[in-house]
């Protein structure tokens, strides 16, 4: 007489080979649960987090005259990004001072990006421009932690703020070594960036 360890001999309790001669019985539901539901990503694939950060550099002085062109150019670049970015790093290295028009343009840009759940990070290496931006409360609207002195610091901060572990991958290293995309100032009145 043989004794079964399974009190119920049900067909769905058989293993993947459906062999009755096998001494090890694996329940079919357990075998299905062990299989991964989502295909694993290859380690060779590019890191998707780097695609979620858009780096732009304004070549020229930021002032109120080019505010609308800046909004249009950054908005178009963000809408064109696939996947949608979580952060936009705007390098304002050529901006030596920030006037009221520049502050208003940056606040409008922050509001535009916030509507799409995108965070704005600014690179202002010049102390005068940073101080002028902070003087009238524009920095508090944008976020004092969104002001950075270097492009590298801004990219790393944007990457650290993304969901998940903030690991420095080869794709992030490549992003840190590449220059940002250029936004050219308008050449005449009424023209875009």
Protein backbone atom coordinates (compact mmCIF):
# COMPACT_ATOMS: atom_id res chain seq x y z
CA UNK A 1 0.00 0.00 0.00
CA UNK A 2 1.36 3.42 -0.90
CA UNK A 3 0.74 6.47 1.20
CA UNK A 4 0.32 9.82 -0.51
CA UNK A 5 1.45 13.05 1.10
CA UNK A 6 -1.36 14.84 -0.74
CA UNK A 7 -4.74 13.95 0.68
CA UNK A 8 -6.50 15.15 -2.47
CA UNK A 9 -5.27 13.89 -5.83
CA UNK A 10 -6.40 16.82 -7.91
CA UNK A 11 -5.17 17.38 -11.46
CA UNK A 12 -4.23 21.03 -10.80
CA UNK A 13 -1.78 19.89 -8.15
CA UNK A 14 0.52 18.19 -10.64
CA UNK A 15 3.89 19.62 -11.54
CA UNK A 16 4.96 21.16 -14.82
CA UNK A 17 5.96 17.82 -16.35
CA UNK A 18 2.65 16.19 -15.42
CA UNK A 19 4.49 13.03 -14.50
CA UNK A 20 2.76 10.73 -12.05
CA UNK A 21 5.99 8.78 -11.61
CA UNK A 22 7.78 11.82 -10.20
CA UNK A 23 8.23 11.72 -6.47
CA UNK A 24 8.39 15.53 -6.14
CA UNK A 25 5.02 17.10 -6.79
CA UNK A 26 4.89 20.86 -7.31
CA UNK A 27 1.49 22.51 -7.22
CA UNK A 28 0.65 24.14 -10.54
CA UNK A 29 -0.46 27.38 -8.88
CA UNK A 30 2.89 27.66 -7.11
CA UNK A 31 4.81 27.12 -10.32
CA UNK A 32 2.82 29.91 -12.01
CA UNK A 33 3.44 32.25 -9.09
CA UNK A 34 7.17 31.69 -9.26
CA UNK A 35 7.33 32.78 -12.91
CA UNK A 36 8.03 36.48 -13.26
CA UNK A 37 5.03 38.52 -14.36
CA UNK A 38 7.16 41.30 -15.83
CA UNK A 39 10.14 40.68 -18.05
CA UNK A 40 13.37 41.56 -16.33
CA UNK A 41 15.33 44.47 -17.75
CA UNK A 42 18.67 43.73 -19.22
CA UNK A 43 21.61 45.37 -17.46
CA UNK A 44 22.78 46.55 -20.87
CA UNK A 45 19.71 48.75 -21.39
CA UNK A 46 20.02 52.46 -20.82
CA UNK A 47 18.96 53.78 -17.46
CA UNK A 48 15.47 55.26 -17.86
CA UNK A 49 16.12 57.79 -15.10
CA UNK A 50 18.52 59.74 -17.32
CA UNK A 51 15.77 60.19 -19.88
CA UNK A 52 13.64 61.76 -17.19
CA UNK A 53 16.02 64.71 -16.78
CA UNK A 54 16.19 67.32 -19.53
CA UNK A 55 19.24 69.62 -19.46
CA UNK A 56 19.04 72.95 -21.28
CA UNK A 57 21.43 75.91 -21.45
CA UNK A 58 20.30 79.41 -22.30
CA UNK A 59 22.99 81.07 -24.39
CA UNK A 60 22.63 84.71 -23.56
CA UNK A 61 21.26 86.92 -20.83
CA UNK A 62 17.89 86.03 -19.29
CA UNK A 63 15.62 89.08 -19.24
CA UNK A 64 11.94 89.88 -19.51
CA UNK A 65 12.19 90.44 -23.29
CA UNK A 66 12.77 86.77 -24.03
CA UNK A 67 10.47 85.37 -21.32
CA UNK A 68 7.73 84.17 -23.68
CA UNK A 69 10.24 82.69 -26.12
CA UNK A 70 11.89 80.83 -23.23
CA UNK A 71 8.53 79.47 -22.05
CA UNK A 72 7.65 78.34 -25.57
CA UNK A 73 11.01 76.68 -26.23
CA UNK A 74 11.20 74.84 -22.89
CA UNK A 75 7.53 73.84 -23.11
CA UNK A 76 8.04 72.42 -26.61
CA UNK A 77 11.15 70.50 -25.52
CA UNK A 78 9.35 69.03 -22.49
CA UNK A 79 6.34 67.99 -24.59
CA UNK A 80 8.66 66.32 -27.10
CA UNK A 81 10.48 64.28 -24.45
CA UNK A 82 9.64 60.58 -24.23
CA UNK A 83 9.15 59.56 -21.43
CA UNK A 84 7.90 62.82 -19.91
CA UNK A 85 10.68 64.33 -17.82
CA UNK A 86 10.53 64.58 -14.05
CA UNK A 87 13.03 67.44 -13.96
CA UNK A 88 14.31 70.21 -16.19
CA UNK A 89 17.77 71.55 -15.44
CA UNK A 90 18.12 75.05 -16.89
CA UNK A 91 21.68 76.33 -17.04
CA UNK A 92 21.77 80.13 -16.74
CA UNK A 93 25.55 80.47 -16.65
CA UNK A 94 25.47 83.41 -19.07
CA UNK A 95 23.04 85.32 -16.86
CA UNK A 96 25.07 87.76 -14.80
CA UNK A 97 22.17 89.47 -13.05
CA UNK A 98 18.45 88.81 -12.72
CA UNK A 99 15.97 91.64 -13.20
CA UNK A 100 12.22 91.65 -12.47
CA UNK A 101 11.48 90.30 -15.95
CA UNK A 102 13.86 87.38 -15.42
CA UNK A 103 12.29 86.57 -12.06
CA UNK A 104 8.80 86.65 -13.58
CA UNK A 105 9.95 84.45 -16.48
CA UNK A 106 11.41 81.85 -14.11
CA UNK A 107 8.29 81.85 -11.93
CA UNK A 108 6.12 81.38 -15.03
CA UNK A 109 8.38 78.58 -16.22
CA UNK A 110 8.19 76.87 -12.83
CA UNK A 111 4.37 77.10 -12.91
CA UNK A 112 4.26 75.74 -16.48
CA UNK A 113 6.46 72.78 -15.57
CA UNK A 114 4.65 72.14 -12.28
CA UNK A 115 1.39 71.69 -14.21
CA UNK A 116 3.05 68.72 -15.92
CA UNK A 117 4.56 67.41 -12.65
CA UNK A 118 8.03 68.43 -13.75
CA UNK A 119 10.49 70.05 -11.35
CA UNK A 120 12.63 73.02 -12.39
CA UNK A 121 16.26 73.19 -11.29
CA UNK A 122 18.39 76.24 -12.06
CA UNK A 123 22.15 76.53 -12.48
CA UNK A 124 23.29 80.01 -11.42
CA UNK A 125 27.05 80.06 -10.83
CA UNK A 126 27.13 83.88 -10.54
CA UNK A 127 26.56 85.08 -6.99
CA UNK A 128 24.97 88.35 -8.13
CA UNK A 129 22.34 86.60 -10.23
CA UNK A 130 21.58 84.16 -7.40
CA UNK A 131 21.29 87.00 -4.87
CA UNK A 132 19.05 89.04 -7.21
CA UNK A 133 16.82 86.03 -7.75
CA UNK A 134 16.53 85.44 -4.01
CA UNK A 135 15.87 89.09 -3.18
CA UNK A 136 12.18 89.36 -4.03
CA UNK A 137 11.03 85.91 -2.96
CA UNK A 138 11.28 84.30 -6.39
CA UNK A 139 13.66 81.70 -4.98
CA UNK A 140 11.11 80.65 -2.39
CA UNK A 141 8.49 80.17 -5.14
CA UNK A 142 10.91 78.14 -7.25
CA UNK A 143 12.47 76.46 -4.23
CA UNK A 144 15.75 77.41 -2.61
CA UNK A 145 16.93 73.81 -3.04
CA UNK A 146 16.40 74.18 -6.81
CA UNK A 147 19.27 76.69 -7.15
CA UNK A 148 22.65 75.14 -7.89
CA UNK A 149 26.11 76.51 -8.60
CA UNK A 150 27.08 73.87 -11.17
CA UNK A 151 25.41 71.75 -13.82
CA UNK A 152 26.78 68.58 -12.24
CA UNK A 153 25.26 69.41 -8.86
CA UNK A 154 21.89 70.15 -10.46
CA UNK A 155 21.83 66.89 -12.44
CA UNK A 156 22.83 64.83 -9.41
CA UNK A 157 20.19 66.53 -7.25
CA UNK A 158 17.53 65.94 -9.91
CA UNK A 159 18.59 62.29 -10.18
CA UNK A 160 18.54 61.84 -6.40
CA UNK A 161 14.99 63.24 -6.28
CA UNK A 162 13.67 60.62 -8.74
CA UNK A 163 11.77 57.67 -7.31
CA UNK A 164 13.86 54.60 -6.58
CA UNK A 165 17.50 54.23 -5.66
CA UNK A 166 19.77 57.05 -6.76
CA UNK A 167 22.50 54.85 -8.15
CA UNK A 168 25.17 56.34 -10.38
CA UNK A 169 24.93 54.21 -13.50
CA UNK A 170 27.00 54.35 -16.68
CA UNK A 171 24.11 56.19 -18.37
CA UNK A 172 24.14 58.85 -15.64
CA UNK A 173 27.93 59.19 -15.96
CA UNK A 174 27.49 59.73 -19.70
CA UNK A 175 24.82 62.35 -19.03
CA UNK A 176 27.14 64.17 -16.64
CA UNK A 177 29.87 64.32 -19.26
CA UNK A 178 27.66 65.65 -22.07
CA UNK A 179 26.94 69.36 -22.52
CA UNK A 180 23.31 70.46 -22.16
CA UNK A 181 21.12 71.24 -25.16
CA UNK A 182 21.43 74.87 -26.23
CA UNK A 183 18.55 77.36 -26.21
CA UNK A 184 19.55 80.27 -28.43
CA UNK A 185 18.28 83.76 -27.60
CA UNK A 186 15.88 85.30 -30.11
CA UNK A 187 17.53 87.18 -32.94
CA UNK A 188 14.85 89.82 -33.19
CA UNK A 189 11.61 90.97 -31.59
CA UNK A 190 8.81 88.44 -31.77
CA UNK A 191 11.05 85.51 -32.71
CA UNK A 192 11.34 82.33 -30.70
CA UNK A 193 14.41 80.85 -29.08
